[in-house]
N, C-alpha and C. Protein backbone atom coordinates (compact mmCIF):
# COMPACT_ATOMS: atom_id res chain seq x y z
N MET A 1 0.85 -1.18 0.00
CA MET A 1 0.00 0.00 0.00
C MET A 1 0.89 1.23 0.00
N GLY A 2 0.41 2.28 -0.66
CA GLY A 2 1.16 3.52 -0.71
C GLY A 2 0.23 4.71 -0.74
N THR A 3 0.75 5.86 -0.33
CA THR A 3 0.00 7.10 -0.39
C THR A 3 0.61 7.97 -1.47
N TYR A 4 -0.22 8.47 -2.34
CA TYR A 4 0.22 9.28 -3.47
C TYR A 4 -0.47 10.63 -3.45
N LEU A 5 0.22 11.64 -3.93
CA LEU A 5 -0.35 12.96 -4.14
C LEU A 5 -0.45 13.17 -5.65
N PHE A 6 -1.64 13.47 -6.12
CA PHE A 6 -1.88 13.68 -7.55
C PHE A 6 -2.16 15.15 -7.81
N GLU A 7 -1.73 15.61 -8.97
CA GLU A 7 -2.06 16.94 -9.45
C GLU A 7 -2.25 16.86 -10.96
N ARG A 8 -2.67 17.97 -11.56
CA ARG A 8 -2.83 18.03 -13.01
C ARG A 8 -1.46 18.12 -13.66
N SER A 9 -1.32 17.44 -14.76
CA SER A 9 -0.09 17.50 -15.54
C SER A 9 -0.14 18.72 -16.44
N SER A 10 1.00 19.38 -16.57
CA SER A 10 1.07 20.53 -17.47
C SER A 10 1.80 20.16 -18.76
N GLU A 11 2.01 18.87 -18.95
CA GLU A 11 2.71 18.39 -20.13
C GLU A 11 1.91 18.72 -21.40
N ALA A 12 2.60 19.19 -22.40
CA ALA A 12 1.93 19.55 -23.65
C ALA A 12 1.21 18.35 -24.26
N GLY A 13 -0.01 18.56 -24.68
CA GLY A 13 -0.79 17.51 -25.32
C GLY A 13 -1.50 16.58 -24.35
N ALA A 14 -1.32 16.77 -23.06
CA ALA A 14 -1.95 15.89 -22.07
C ALA A 14 -3.40 16.30 -21.86
N GLY A 15 -4.23 15.33 -21.56
CA GLY A 15 -5.57 15.62 -21.10
C GLY A 15 -6.70 15.49 -22.10
N ARG A 16 -6.51 14.74 -23.16
CA ARG A 16 -7.58 14.65 -24.16
C ARG A 16 -8.84 13.99 -23.59
N ASP A 17 -8.71 13.16 -22.54
CA ASP A 17 -9.88 12.52 -21.93
C ASP A 17 -10.20 13.07 -20.54
N ALA A 18 -9.54 14.16 -20.15
CA ALA A 18 -9.71 14.72 -18.80
C ALA A 18 -11.06 15.43 -18.68
N THR A 19 -11.57 15.43 -17.46
CA THR A 19 -12.79 16.17 -17.14
C THR A 19 -12.40 17.35 -16.25
N ALA A 20 -13.38 18.07 -15.78
CA ALA A 20 -13.10 19.22 -14.90
C ALA A 20 -12.78 18.78 -13.48
N SER A 21 -13.06 17.53 -13.13
CA SER A 21 -12.88 17.05 -11.76
C SER A 21 -11.61 16.21 -11.63
N LEU A 22 -10.63 16.72 -10.90
CA LEU A 22 -9.40 15.97 -10.66
C LEU A 22 -9.68 14.66 -9.91
N PRO A 23 -10.48 14.66 -8.83
CA PRO A 23 -10.76 13.38 -8.15
C PRO A 23 -11.41 12.34 -9.07
N ASP A 24 -12.33 12.78 -9.92
CA ASP A 24 -12.99 11.83 -10.84
C ASP A 24 -11.99 11.24 -11.83
N ASP A 25 -11.07 12.07 -12.34
CA ASP A 25 -10.07 11.58 -13.28
C ASP A 25 -9.08 10.62 -12.61
N ILE A 26 -8.74 10.90 -11.37
CA ILE A 26 -7.84 10.00 -10.62
C ILE A 26 -8.52 8.64 -10.43
N ALA A 27 -9.78 8.66 -10.01
CA ALA A 27 -10.52 7.41 -9.82
C ALA A 27 -10.62 6.65 -11.14
N ASN A 28 -10.90 7.34 -12.22
CA ASN A 28 -10.99 6.71 -13.53
C ASN A 28 -9.66 6.06 -13.90
N ALA A 29 -8.56 6.77 -13.70
CA ALA A 29 -7.24 6.23 -14.04
C ALA A 29 -6.91 4.99 -13.21
N LEU A 30 -7.14 5.06 -11.91
CA LEU A 30 -6.78 3.93 -11.05
C LEU A 30 -7.64 2.70 -11.33
N LYS A 31 -8.87 2.90 -11.76
CA LYS A 31 -9.73 1.78 -12.13
C LYS A 31 -9.24 1.08 -13.40
N GLN A 32 -8.50 1.81 -14.24
CA GLN A 32 -7.99 1.24 -15.48
C GLN A 32 -6.69 0.45 -15.30
N ILE A 33 -6.02 0.63 -14.18
CA ILE A 33 -4.72 -0.01 -13.96
C ILE A 33 -4.94 -1.34 -13.24
N ASP A 34 -4.61 -2.43 -13.94
CA ASP A 34 -4.91 -3.78 -13.45
C ASP A 34 -4.31 -4.10 -12.09
N TRP A 35 -3.15 -3.56 -11.78
CA TRP A 35 -2.48 -3.94 -10.53
C TRP A 35 -2.90 -3.09 -9.34
N VAL A 36 -3.86 -2.18 -9.52
CA VAL A 36 -4.44 -1.44 -8.40
C VAL A 36 -5.59 -2.28 -7.86
N ASP A 37 -5.45 -2.73 -6.61
CA ASP A 37 -6.48 -3.56 -5.99
C ASP A 37 -7.64 -2.69 -5.51
N HIS A 38 -7.35 -1.67 -4.70
CA HIS A 38 -8.37 -0.72 -4.27
C HIS A 38 -7.69 0.58 -3.84
N PHE A 39 -8.49 1.64 -3.72
CA PHE A 39 -7.92 2.93 -3.36
C PHE A 39 -8.96 3.76 -2.62
N THR A 40 -8.47 4.76 -1.86
CA THR A 40 -9.32 5.70 -1.14
C THR A 40 -8.84 7.11 -1.44
N LEU A 41 -9.72 7.92 -2.00
CA LEU A 41 -9.42 9.32 -2.30
C LEU A 41 -9.66 10.18 -1.07
N HIS A 42 -8.79 11.15 -0.86
CA HIS A 42 -8.94 12.11 0.23
C HIS A 42 -8.88 13.51 -0.40
N ALA A 43 -10.02 13.99 -0.87
CA ALA A 43 -10.09 15.32 -1.49
C ALA A 43 -10.75 16.26 -0.50
N ASP A 44 -9.99 17.24 -0.03
CA ASP A 44 -10.50 18.18 0.97
C ASP A 44 -10.81 19.52 0.33
N GLY A 45 -11.79 19.66 -0.44
CA GLY A 45 -12.15 20.97 -0.98
C GLY A 45 -11.11 21.57 -1.92
N ASP A 46 -9.81 21.51 -1.59
CA ASP A 46 -8.75 22.00 -2.46
C ASP A 46 -8.46 20.92 -3.48
N GLU A 47 -8.94 21.11 -4.69
CA GLU A 47 -8.79 20.07 -5.69
C GLU A 47 -7.56 20.26 -6.57
N ASP A 48 -6.60 21.10 -6.14
CA ASP A 48 -5.36 21.24 -6.90
C ASP A 48 -4.44 20.04 -6.65
N VAL A 49 -4.54 19.48 -5.44
CA VAL A 49 -3.76 18.31 -5.06
C VAL A 49 -4.70 17.36 -4.32
N VAL A 50 -4.67 16.08 -4.71
CA VAL A 50 -5.54 15.08 -4.07
C VAL A 50 -4.66 13.95 -3.54
N ARG A 51 -4.88 13.59 -2.29
CA ARG A 51 -4.15 12.48 -1.66
C ARG A 51 -4.96 11.20 -1.85
N VAL A 52 -4.25 10.13 -2.20
CA VAL A 52 -4.91 8.85 -2.46
C VAL A 52 -4.11 7.73 -1.81
N ASP A 53 -4.79 6.89 -1.03
CA ASP A 53 -4.19 5.67 -0.49
C ASP A 53 -4.51 4.56 -1.47
N VAL A 54 -3.46 3.87 -1.93
CA VAL A 54 -3.63 2.85 -2.96
C VAL A 54 -3.07 1.52 -2.47
N ALA A 55 -3.85 0.46 -2.63
CA ALA A 55 -3.39 -0.90 -2.34
C ALA A 55 -3.22 -1.62 -3.67
N PHE A 56 -2.13 -2.38 -3.79
CA PHE A 56 -1.80 -3.03 -5.05
C PHE A 56 -1.95 -4.54 -4.96
N ASP A 57 -2.24 -5.13 -6.10
CA ASP A 57 -2.27 -6.58 -6.24
C ASP A 57 -0.88 -7.10 -5.87
N GLU A 58 -0.83 -8.24 -5.21
CA GLU A 58 0.46 -8.82 -4.79
C GLU A 58 1.39 -9.09 -5.96
N GLU A 59 0.83 -9.33 -7.13
CA GLU A 59 1.64 -9.65 -8.30
C GLU A 59 1.89 -8.43 -9.19
N TRP A 60 1.86 -7.22 -8.59
CA TRP A 60 1.99 -6.02 -9.40
C TRP A 60 3.29 -5.97 -10.20
N PRO A 61 4.43 -6.46 -9.70
CA PRO A 61 5.64 -6.36 -10.55
C PRO A 61 5.49 -7.13 -11.87
N ASP A 62 4.88 -8.30 -11.82
CA ASP A 62 4.68 -9.09 -13.05
C ASP A 62 3.65 -8.44 -13.97
N LEU A 63 2.57 -7.94 -13.38
CA LEU A 63 1.53 -7.30 -14.18
C LEU A 63 2.07 -6.03 -14.85
N ARG A 64 2.82 -5.25 -14.09
CA ARG A 64 3.39 -4.02 -14.65
C ARG A 64 4.43 -4.33 -15.72
N ALA A 65 5.20 -5.38 -15.53
CA ALA A 65 6.23 -5.75 -16.51
C ALA A 65 5.61 -6.11 -17.86
N SER A 66 4.39 -6.63 -17.84
CA SER A 66 3.73 -6.99 -19.09
C SER A 66 3.22 -5.77 -19.85
N GLU A 67 3.06 -4.63 -19.17
CA GLU A 67 2.60 -3.38 -19.80
C GLU A 67 3.40 -2.20 -19.24
N PRO A 68 4.67 -2.08 -19.57
CA PRO A 68 5.53 -1.09 -18.91
C PRO A 68 5.15 0.36 -19.13
N GLY A 69 4.54 0.72 -20.22
CA GLY A 69 4.18 2.11 -20.48
C GLY A 69 2.74 2.45 -20.20
N TYR A 70 2.00 1.52 -19.62
CA TYR A 70 0.57 1.70 -19.46
C TYR A 70 0.22 2.85 -18.51
N VAL A 71 0.89 2.95 -17.37
CA VAL A 71 0.59 4.02 -16.42
C VAL A 71 0.83 5.37 -17.07
N ALA A 72 1.94 5.52 -17.78
CA ALA A 72 2.24 6.78 -18.45
C ALA A 72 1.16 7.14 -19.46
N THR A 73 0.68 6.16 -20.20
CA THR A 73 -0.36 6.40 -21.20
C THR A 73 -1.66 6.86 -20.55
N VAL A 74 -2.09 6.16 -19.51
CA VAL A 74 -3.34 6.51 -18.82
C VAL A 74 -3.22 7.89 -18.18
N PHE A 75 -2.11 8.15 -17.49
CA PHE A 75 -1.94 9.45 -16.84
C PHE A 75 -1.90 10.58 -17.87
N HIS A 76 -1.26 10.35 -19.01
CA HIS A 76 -1.17 11.38 -20.04
C HIS A 76 -2.56 11.72 -20.61
N ARG A 77 -3.36 10.70 -20.89
CA ARG A 77 -4.70 10.93 -21.43
C ARG A 77 -5.57 11.74 -20.48
N LEU A 78 -5.38 11.56 -19.18
CA LEU A 78 -6.21 12.23 -18.18
C LEU A 78 -5.50 13.42 -17.54
N ALA A 79 -4.35 13.81 -18.06
CA ALA A 79 -3.58 14.96 -17.57
C ALA A 79 -3.29 14.85 -16.08
N LEU A 80 -2.78 13.68 -15.67
CA LEU A 80 -2.46 13.44 -14.26
C LEU A 80 -0.97 13.23 -14.08
N CYS A 81 -0.49 13.59 -12.91
CA CYS A 81 0.87 13.21 -12.52
C CYS A 81 0.90 13.11 -11.00
N THR A 82 1.86 12.35 -10.52
CA THR A 82 2.03 12.23 -9.07
C THR A 82 3.13 13.19 -8.65
N ILE A 83 3.02 13.67 -7.43
CA ILE A 83 4.04 14.54 -6.87
C ILE A 83 5.08 13.62 -6.23
N PRO A 84 6.35 13.72 -6.66
CA PRO A 84 7.38 12.81 -6.14
C PRO A 84 7.58 12.98 -4.64
N LYS A 85 7.92 11.87 -4.01
CA LYS A 85 8.22 11.88 -2.58
C LYS A 85 9.69 12.25 -2.40
N PRO A 86 9.98 13.32 -1.70
CA PRO A 86 11.37 13.77 -1.58
C PRO A 86 12.25 12.83 -0.77
N THR A 87 11.66 11.93 0.00
CA THR A 87 12.46 11.04 0.83
C THR A 87 13.08 9.89 0.05
N LEU A 88 12.60 9.63 -1.16
CA LEU A 88 13.13 8.53 -1.95
C LEU A 88 14.03 9.05 -3.05
N SER A 89 15.08 8.32 -3.33
CA SER A 89 15.91 8.70 -4.47
C SER A 89 15.12 8.43 -5.74
N LYS A 90 15.40 9.17 -6.80
CA LYS A 90 14.62 9.06 -8.04
C LYS A 90 14.69 7.65 -8.62
N SER A 91 15.86 7.06 -8.70
CA SER A 91 15.98 5.74 -9.32
C SER A 91 15.27 4.67 -8.50
N LEU A 92 15.36 4.75 -7.18
CA LEU A 92 14.68 3.78 -6.34
C LEU A 92 13.17 3.93 -6.48
N ALA A 93 12.68 5.16 -6.46
CA ALA A 93 11.24 5.39 -6.55
C ALA A 93 10.68 4.86 -7.86
N GLU A 94 11.37 5.08 -8.96
CA GLU A 94 10.89 4.61 -10.25
C GLU A 94 10.92 3.09 -10.35
N ALA A 95 11.98 2.47 -9.83
CA ALA A 95 12.11 1.03 -9.95
C ALA A 95 11.11 0.28 -9.08
N ASP A 96 10.78 0.83 -7.92
CA ASP A 96 9.94 0.13 -6.97
C ASP A 96 8.53 0.69 -6.86
N ASP A 97 8.15 1.59 -7.75
CA ASP A 97 6.86 2.26 -7.63
C ASP A 97 5.87 1.70 -8.65
N PRO A 98 4.78 1.10 -8.18
CA PRO A 98 3.79 0.54 -9.10
C PRO A 98 3.09 1.59 -9.96
N LEU A 99 3.12 2.86 -9.54
CA LEU A 99 2.47 3.92 -10.31
C LEU A 99 3.46 4.87 -10.94
N SER A 100 4.69 4.43 -11.10
CA SER A 100 5.66 5.28 -11.79
C SER A 100 5.20 5.49 -13.21
N ALA A 101 5.12 6.75 -13.61
CA ALA A 101 4.66 7.07 -14.97
C ALA A 101 5.80 7.57 -15.83
N THR A 102 7.01 7.25 -15.44
CA THR A 102 8.17 7.66 -16.23
C THR A 102 8.42 6.61 -17.28
N PRO A 103 8.00 6.87 -18.51
CA PRO A 103 8.19 5.86 -19.55
C PRO A 103 9.63 5.84 -20.04
N SER A 104 10.06 4.69 -20.47
CA SER A 104 11.36 4.62 -21.13
C SER A 104 11.18 5.19 -22.52
N SER A 105 12.25 5.38 -23.23
CA SER A 105 12.15 5.95 -24.58
C SER A 105 11.34 5.03 -25.50
N ASP A 106 11.29 3.75 -25.20
CA ASP A 106 10.53 2.80 -26.02
C ASP A 106 9.04 2.82 -25.70
N ASP A 107 8.65 3.45 -24.60
CA ASP A 107 7.27 3.41 -24.14
C ASP A 107 6.51 4.70 -24.39
N ASP A 108 7.02 5.60 -25.22
CA ASP A 108 6.36 6.88 -25.47
C ASP A 108 4.97 6.62 -26.03
N PRO A 109 3.90 7.01 -25.30
CA PRO A 109 2.55 6.70 -25.74
C PRO A 109 2.13 7.45 -26.99
N GLU A 110 2.82 8.50 -27.35
CA GLU A 110 2.43 9.29 -28.51
C GLU A 110 3.24 8.96 -29.76
N SER A 111 4.22 8.07 -29.62
CA SER A 111 5.06 7.79 -30.79
C SER A 111 4.68 6.46 -31.42
N MET A 112 4.97 6.37 -32.70
CA MET A 112 4.72 5.14 -33.41
C MET A 112 5.78 5.03 -34.50
N ASP A 113 6.39 3.89 -34.61
CA ASP A 113 7.40 3.67 -35.63
C ASP A 113 6.76 3.03 -36.85
N LEU A 114 7.10 3.54 -38.02
CA LEU A 114 6.62 2.95 -39.26
C LEU A 114 7.82 2.43 -40.03
N PHE A 115 7.68 1.27 -40.58
CA PHE A 115 8.76 0.65 -41.33
C PHE A 115 8.25 0.34 -42.74
N LEU A 116 9.08 0.63 -43.72
CA LEU A 116 8.76 0.28 -45.11
C LEU A 116 9.66 -0.87 -45.52
N PHE A 117 9.05 -1.91 -46.01
CA PHE A 117 9.81 -3.07 -46.45
C PHE A 117 9.70 -3.16 -47.97
N GLU A 118 10.82 -3.32 -48.59
CA GLU A 118 10.82 -3.48 -50.04
C GLU A 118 10.80 -4.96 -50.37
N GLU A 119 10.06 -5.28 -51.42
CA GLU A 119 9.96 -6.70 -51.81
C GLU A 119 11.09 -7.08 -52.71
């Protein structure tokens, strides 16, 4: 289980499926991620930042490994990002975080490679 702070992403092109409600978009995103078992939103009137307690499926590392860029894709569509925890080093947080949305260069949700094959 972990506690996350969510805010709106200011990344260019983010938010094509976002609504006006940050808590609703967070709930929508977490429902789409297979390795999220359950979660509790704590929205206190200030909807610029929302705290969420998240419990993960025990097999989250295997589930996440099968879809490495999925969190980044879902968060990008809904214009969401998590606020990093300052107590963790960046590499440790990304490696051990079930909701890390830092895609590798191969996982860019907006890119697509096209190949032309000559006969």
